[in-house]
Amino acid sequence: MSLLGSCWANRVDPVAYLTDVIIALPVTPSGEIDSLLPHNWMKRHPESLLPPIK
């Protein structure tokens, strides 16, 4: 699955996610890269969750 597909599957705003990850990626230690995956990222950024699809 692509990063954008993972964003939609986890109801994460893809623009907010990609903006934050592009900034965070260069300073994130290699052992913590998985914290930048959408399903982990959304736990730290609940304000970026999309509303449920009706």
Protein backbone atom coordinates (compact mmCIF):
# COMPACT_ATOMS: atom_id res chain seq x y z
CA MET A 1 0.00 0.00 0.00
CA SER A 2 1.25 3.51 -0.75
CA LEU A 3 1.72 6.20 1.90
CA LEU A 4 -1.32 8.07 0.60
CA GLY A 5 -3.35 4.86 0.63
CA SER A 6 -2.27 4.29 4.22
CA CYS A 7 -3.33 7.85 5.07
CA TRP A 8 -6.82 7.26 3.68
CA ALA A 9 -7.08 3.85 5.39
CA ASN A 10 -6.16 5.43 8.73
CA ARG A 11 -8.27 8.60 8.17
CA VAL A 12 -5.14 10.81 8.28
CA ASP A 13 -5.08 14.14 6.44
CA PRO A 14 -2.46 13.39 3.74
CA VAL A 15 -1.32 17.01 3.37
CA ALA A 16 -0.70 17.42 7.11
CA TYR A 17 0.99 14.02 7.24
CA LEU A 18 3.33 14.53 4.28
CA THR A 19 4.22 18.07 5.36
CA ASP A 20 5.19 16.87 8.83
CA VAL A 21 7.04 13.78 7.62
CA ILE A 22 9.08 15.69 5.05
CA ILE A 23 10.24 18.01 7.84
CA ALA A 24 10.81 15.22 10.39
CA LEU A 25 12.48 12.63 8.16
CA PRO A 26 15.98 14.16 8.01
CA VAL A 27 16.23 14.42 11.82
CA THR A 28 14.55 11.12 12.75
CA PRO A 29 16.98 8.38 13.85
CA SER A 30 16.88 5.29 11.63
CA GLY A 31 15.57 3.19 14.51
CA GLU A 32 12.52 5.44 14.82
CA ILE A 33 11.47 5.64 11.16
CA ASP A 34 8.43 3.45 11.85
CA SER A 35 7.07 6.26 14.05
CA LEU A 36 6.53 8.21 10.83
CA LEU A 37 4.18 5.65 9.29
CA PRO A 38 0.58 6.92 9.12
CA HIS A 39 -0.85 4.49 11.70
CA ASN A 40 1.81 5.54 14.25
CA TRP A 41 1.95 9.21 13.26
CA MET A 42 -1.79 9.73 13.85
CA LYS A 43 -1.43 8.81 17.54
CA ARG A 44 0.72 11.93 18.02
CA HIS A 45 -1.40 14.15 15.74
CA PRO A 46 -5.08 13.47 16.51
CA GLU A 47 -5.97 16.94 15.20
CA SER A 48 -5.14 15.66 11.69
CA LEU A 49 -7.68 12.84 11.64
CA LEU A 50 -10.29 13.03 8.94
CA PRO A 51 -13.97 12.55 9.84
CA PRO A 52 -15.44 9.10 9.16
CA ILE A 53 -16.83 8.54 5.67
CA LYS A 54 -20.62 8.22 5.73
